[in-house]
Amino acid sequence: MSDTIRELFAVIEDRKETLPEDSYTADLFTHEKGENAALEKLGEEATEFILAAKDGDEEELAHEGADIVYHMLVVLAQNDVDAEDLLDELEARR
C-alpha cells in the first residue's frame, strides 16, 4: 500500500507543479477558492464515508475511503507536507 500512496502522491506533486488544464488535481490547486476547494472536498468525502459505513455498504465504503485518501494527499501537498512524513507517522504508531 505504501508504494501506491507514494506513486499517487508523486502524481499529485506533478500536477501541482505542471498544472495541466485538463487535470482535476491541478484544478484543486488553482481553484478560485484556493486551498478551501480541497478542504471542502475532503470534508464532503468524509461525510460520504461515514454514511457508507453507517449503511454497511462495503463497496461504497471502499470507494469513499479512496476519495478521502486522495483528497487528504492533495491537502498535504498544498501544505508542503511530504507523503513520507505521513507514512513515517503511521509506521511510528504501528
N, C-alpha and C. Protein backbone atom coordinates (compact mmCIF):
# COMPACT_ATOMS: atom_id res chain seq x y z
N MET A 1 0.82 -1.20 0.00
CA MET A 1 0.00 0.00 0.00
C MET A 1 0.86 1.26 0.00
N SER A 2 1.98 1.23 0.70
CA SER A 2 2.83 2.42 0.76
C SER A 2 3.30 2.85 -0.62
N ASP A 3 3.60 1.86 -1.48
CA ASP A 3 4.04 2.21 -2.83
C ASP A 3 2.94 2.92 -3.60
N THR A 4 1.71 2.46 -3.43
CA THR A 4 0.58 3.10 -4.11
C THR A 4 0.43 4.54 -3.63
N ILE A 5 0.55 4.76 -2.34
CA ILE A 5 0.43 6.11 -1.79
C ILE A 5 1.58 6.98 -2.30
N ARG A 6 2.78 6.43 -2.32
CA ARG A 6 3.93 7.19 -2.84
C ARG A 6 3.72 7.57 -4.31
N GLU A 7 3.27 6.60 -5.10
CA GLU A 7 3.05 6.86 -6.52
C GLU A 7 1.95 7.89 -6.74
N LEU A 8 0.86 7.76 -6.01
CA LEU A 8 -0.23 8.73 -6.12
C LEU A 8 0.23 10.12 -5.71
N PHE A 9 0.99 10.19 -4.62
CA PHE A 9 1.48 11.49 -4.17
C PHE A 9 2.42 12.12 -5.19
N ALA A 10 3.22 11.30 -5.85
CA ALA A 10 4.12 11.81 -6.90
C ALA A 10 3.31 12.42 -8.05
N VAL A 11 2.21 11.78 -8.41
CA VAL A 11 1.34 12.34 -9.46
C VAL A 11 0.73 13.65 -8.99
N ILE A 12 0.27 13.70 -7.74
CA ILE A 12 -0.32 14.92 -7.19
C ILE A 12 0.72 16.05 -7.19
N GLU A 13 1.93 15.75 -6.77
CA GLU A 13 3.00 16.76 -6.77
C GLU A 13 3.30 17.24 -8.20
N ASP A 14 3.28 16.32 -9.16
CA ASP A 14 3.50 16.69 -10.55
C ASP A 14 2.39 17.64 -11.03
N ARG A 15 1.16 17.32 -10.70
CA ARG A 15 0.04 18.19 -11.11
C ARG A 15 0.14 19.56 -10.45
N LYS A 16 0.63 19.58 -9.22
CA LYS A 16 0.83 20.85 -8.51
C LYS A 16 1.84 21.72 -9.24
N GLU A 17 2.88 21.10 -9.78
CA GLU A 17 3.94 21.85 -10.47
C GLU A 17 3.57 22.21 -11.90
N THR A 18 2.97 21.26 -12.64
CA THR A 18 2.73 21.47 -14.07
C THR A 18 1.37 22.07 -14.38
N LEU A 19 0.40 21.89 -13.48
CA LEU A 19 -0.95 22.44 -13.62
C LEU A 19 -1.57 22.22 -15.01
N PRO A 20 -1.66 20.95 -15.45
CA PRO A 20 -2.30 20.71 -16.74
C PRO A 20 -3.76 21.17 -16.71
N GLU A 21 -4.20 21.75 -17.81
CA GLU A 21 -5.55 22.32 -17.86
C GLU A 21 -6.66 21.30 -17.69
N ASP A 22 -6.43 20.06 -18.11
CA ASP A 22 -7.49 19.05 -18.07
C ASP A 22 -7.39 18.14 -16.84
N SER A 23 -6.73 18.61 -15.79
CA SER A 23 -6.50 17.79 -14.60
C SER A 23 -7.36 18.26 -13.43
N TYR A 24 -8.15 17.33 -12.89
CA TYR A 24 -8.95 17.63 -11.70
C TYR A 24 -8.04 18.01 -10.54
N THR A 25 -6.94 17.29 -10.40
CA THR A 25 -5.99 17.57 -9.33
C THR A 25 -5.43 18.98 -9.45
N ALA A 26 -5.00 19.35 -10.65
CA ALA A 26 -4.47 20.70 -10.86
C ALA A 26 -5.53 21.74 -10.54
N ASP A 27 -6.79 21.43 -10.86
CA ASP A 27 -7.87 22.37 -10.56
C ASP A 27 -8.00 22.62 -9.06
N LEU A 28 -7.75 21.60 -8.27
CA LEU A 28 -7.81 21.79 -6.82
C LEU A 28 -6.72 22.75 -6.33
N PHE A 29 -5.60 22.80 -7.04
CA PHE A 29 -4.52 23.71 -6.66
C PHE A 29 -4.76 25.13 -7.18
N THR A 30 -5.54 25.27 -8.24
CA THR A 30 -5.71 26.58 -8.86
C THR A 30 -7.13 27.12 -8.71
N HIS A 31 -7.97 26.39 -8.02
CA HIS A 31 -9.37 26.77 -7.88
C HIS A 31 -9.48 28.17 -7.29
N GLU A 32 -10.48 28.89 -7.74
CA GLU A 32 -10.65 30.28 -7.26
C GLU A 32 -10.85 30.35 -5.75
N LYS A 33 -11.34 29.26 -5.16
CA LYS A 33 -11.48 29.23 -3.71
C LYS A 33 -10.16 28.96 -3.02
N GLY A 34 -9.15 28.66 -3.81
CA GLY A 34 -7.84 28.37 -3.25
C GLY A 34 -7.85 27.07 -2.48
N GLU A 35 -7.15 27.04 -1.38
CA GLU A 35 -7.00 25.84 -0.58
C GLU A 35 -8.34 25.29 -0.11
N ASN A 36 -9.32 26.14 0.03
CA ASN A 36 -10.61 25.69 0.54
C ASN A 36 -11.28 24.66 -0.36
N ALA A 37 -11.01 24.68 -1.66
CA ALA A 37 -11.64 23.71 -2.56
C ALA A 37 -11.28 22.28 -2.14
N ALA A 38 -10.02 22.02 -1.91
CA ALA A 38 -9.60 20.67 -1.50
C ALA A 38 -10.09 20.35 -0.09
N LEU A 39 -10.07 21.33 0.79
CA LEU A 39 -10.55 21.11 2.15
C LEU A 39 -12.04 20.79 2.16
N GLU A 40 -12.80 21.50 1.36
CA GLU A 40 -14.24 21.24 1.27
C GLU A 40 -14.51 19.85 0.70
N LYS A 41 -13.74 19.45 -0.32
CA LYS A 41 -13.91 18.11 -0.89
C LYS A 41 -13.54 17.04 0.13
N LEU A 42 -12.50 17.27 0.91
CA LEU A 42 -12.11 16.32 1.94
C LEU A 42 -13.24 16.14 2.96
N GLY A 43 -13.83 17.26 3.37
CA GLY A 43 -14.96 17.19 4.31
C GLY A 43 -16.16 16.48 3.70
N GLU A 44 -16.45 16.77 2.45
CA GLU A 44 -17.57 16.13 1.76
C GLU A 44 -17.36 14.62 1.67
N GLU A 45 -16.15 14.22 1.31
CA GLU A 45 -15.85 12.80 1.19
C GLU A 45 -15.89 12.10 2.55
N ALA A 46 -15.47 12.79 3.59
CA ALA A 46 -15.52 12.21 4.94
C ALA A 46 -16.98 11.94 5.33
N THR A 47 -17.86 12.86 5.02
CA THR A 47 -19.27 12.67 5.31
C THR A 47 -19.83 11.48 4.53
N GLU A 48 -19.48 11.38 3.26
CA GLU A 48 -19.94 10.27 2.43
C GLU A 48 -19.39 8.94 2.95
N PHE A 49 -18.16 8.95 3.45
CA PHE A 49 -17.55 7.75 4.02
C PHE A 49 -18.32 7.31 5.27
N ILE A 50 -18.64 8.26 6.11
CA ILE A 50 -19.38 7.95 7.34
C ILE A 50 -20.75 7.37 7.01
N LEU A 51 -21.43 7.95 6.04
CA LEU A 51 -22.75 7.45 5.66
C LEU A 51 -22.66 6.05 5.07
N ALA A 52 -21.63 5.79 4.27
CA ALA A 52 -21.45 4.45 3.70
C ALA A 52 -21.19 3.44 4.82
N ALA A 53 -20.42 3.83 5.82
CA ALA A 53 -20.15 2.95 6.95
C ALA A 53 -21.43 2.68 7.73
N LYS A 54 -22.20 3.71 7.93
CA LYS A 54 -23.47 3.59 8.66
C LYS A 54 -24.42 2.65 7.94
N ASP A 55 -24.41 2.72 6.60
CA ASP A 55 -25.30 1.88 5.79
C ASP A 55 -24.76 0.47 5.58
N GLY A 56 -23.50 0.23 5.98
CA GLY A 56 -22.90 -1.08 5.80
C GLY A 56 -22.62 -1.43 4.35
N ASP A 57 -22.43 -0.40 3.52
CA ASP A 57 -22.18 -0.60 2.09
C ASP A 57 -20.68 -0.72 1.87
N GLU A 58 -20.17 -1.96 1.82
CA GLU A 58 -18.73 -2.20 1.74
C GLU A 58 -18.11 -1.62 0.47
N GLU A 59 -18.77 -1.77 -0.67
CA GLU A 59 -18.23 -1.26 -1.92
C GLU A 59 -18.15 0.26 -1.88
N GLU A 60 -19.20 0.90 -1.42
CA GLU A 60 -19.20 2.37 -1.33
C GLU A 60 -18.20 2.85 -0.28
N LEU A 61 -18.05 2.11 0.79
CA LEU A 61 -17.10 2.46 1.84
C LEU A 61 -15.68 2.46 1.29
N ALA A 62 -15.33 1.47 0.49
CA ALA A 62 -14.00 1.43 -0.12
C ALA A 62 -13.82 2.60 -1.09
N HIS A 63 -14.86 2.88 -1.87
CA HIS A 63 -14.81 3.99 -2.84
C HIS A 63 -14.61 5.32 -2.13
N GLU A 64 -15.40 5.58 -1.11
CA GLU A 64 -15.30 6.85 -0.39
C GLU A 64 -14.01 6.93 0.41
N GLY A 65 -13.53 5.79 0.91
CA GLY A 65 -12.24 5.77 1.60
C GLY A 65 -11.11 6.19 0.67
N ALA A 66 -11.16 5.71 -0.56
CA ALA A 66 -10.16 6.11 -1.55
C ALA A 66 -10.25 7.60 -1.84
N ASP A 67 -11.47 8.12 -1.91
CA ASP A 67 -11.64 9.57 -2.13
C ASP A 67 -11.03 10.37 -0.98
N ILE A 68 -11.22 9.90 0.25
CA ILE A 68 -10.65 10.59 1.41
C ILE A 68 -9.12 10.59 1.32
N VAL A 69 -8.53 9.45 1.04
CA VAL A 69 -7.07 9.36 0.97
C VAL A 69 -6.54 10.29 -0.11
N TYR A 70 -7.16 10.26 -1.28
CA TYR A 70 -6.73 11.13 -2.39
C TYR A 70 -6.79 12.60 -1.98
N HIS A 71 -7.93 13.05 -1.46
CA HIS A 71 -8.07 14.47 -1.12
C HIS A 71 -7.18 14.85 0.07
N MET A 72 -6.94 13.92 0.98
CA MET A 72 -6.02 14.17 2.08
C MET A 72 -4.61 14.40 1.53
N LEU A 73 -4.20 13.60 0.55
CA LEU A 73 -2.88 13.77 -0.05
C LEU A 73 -2.77 15.11 -0.78
N VAL A 74 -3.84 15.54 -1.41
CA VAL A 74 -3.84 16.86 -2.06
C VAL A 74 -3.63 17.95 -1.01
N VAL A 75 -4.34 17.86 0.11
CA VAL A 75 -4.19 18.86 1.18
C VAL A 75 -2.78 18.83 1.75
N LEU A 76 -2.20 17.65 1.91
CA LEU A 76 -0.81 17.57 2.37
C LEU A 76 0.11 18.28 1.38
N ALA A 77 -0.08 18.01 0.09
CA ALA A 77 0.76 18.64 -0.93
C ALA A 77 0.58 20.16 -0.93
N GLN A 78 -0.64 20.63 -0.75
CA GLN A 78 -0.88 22.08 -0.70
C GLN A 78 -0.11 22.72 0.44
N ASN A 79 0.06 21.96 1.50
CA ASN A 79 0.73 22.49 2.69
C ASN A 79 2.19 22.07 2.77
N ASP A 80 2.72 21.59 1.64
CA ASP A 80 4.13 21.20 1.54
C ASP A 80 4.55 20.16 2.58
N VAL A 81 3.62 19.25 2.89
CA VAL A 81 3.93 18.12 3.76
C VAL A 81 4.12 16.92 2.85
N ASP A 82 5.24 16.25 2.97
CA ASP A 82 5.54 15.11 2.12
C ASP A 82 4.79 13.87 2.59
N ALA A 83 4.40 13.05 1.66
CA ALA A 83 3.70 11.81 2.00
C ALA A 83 4.57 10.92 2.88
N GLU A 84 5.88 11.03 2.74
CA GLU A 84 6.79 10.24 3.58
C GLU A 84 6.60 10.58 5.05
N ASP A 85 6.29 11.85 5.36
CA ASP A 85 6.04 12.23 6.74
C ASP A 85 4.80 11.51 7.28
N LEU A 86 3.78 11.39 6.45
CA LEU A 86 2.58 10.67 6.82
C LEU A 86 2.90 9.20 7.04
N LEU A 87 3.62 8.60 6.11
CA LEU A 87 3.96 7.18 6.25
C LEU A 87 4.86 6.93 7.43
N ASP A 88 5.79 7.84 7.72
CA ASP A 88 6.65 7.71 8.90
C ASP A 88 5.81 7.74 10.18
N GLU A 89 4.84 8.63 10.21
CA GLU A 89 3.98 8.75 11.38
C GLU A 89 3.16 7.48 11.59
N LEU A 90 2.64 6.94 10.50
CA LEU A 90 1.89 5.69 10.59
C LEU A 90 2.79 4.56 11.06
N GLU A 91 4.00 4.50 10.53
CA GLU A 91 4.94 3.47 10.94
C GLU A 91 5.28 3.59 12.44
N ALA A 92 5.45 4.80 12.92
CA ALA A 92 5.76 5.02 14.33
C ALA A 92 4.61 4.56 15.22
N ARG A 93 3.40 4.65 14.71
CA ARG A 93 2.23 4.25 15.51
C ARG A 93 2.00 2.73 15.46
N ARG A 94 2.63 2.10 14.51
CA ARG A 94 2.44 0.66 14.36
C ARG A 94 3.07 -0.05 15.51
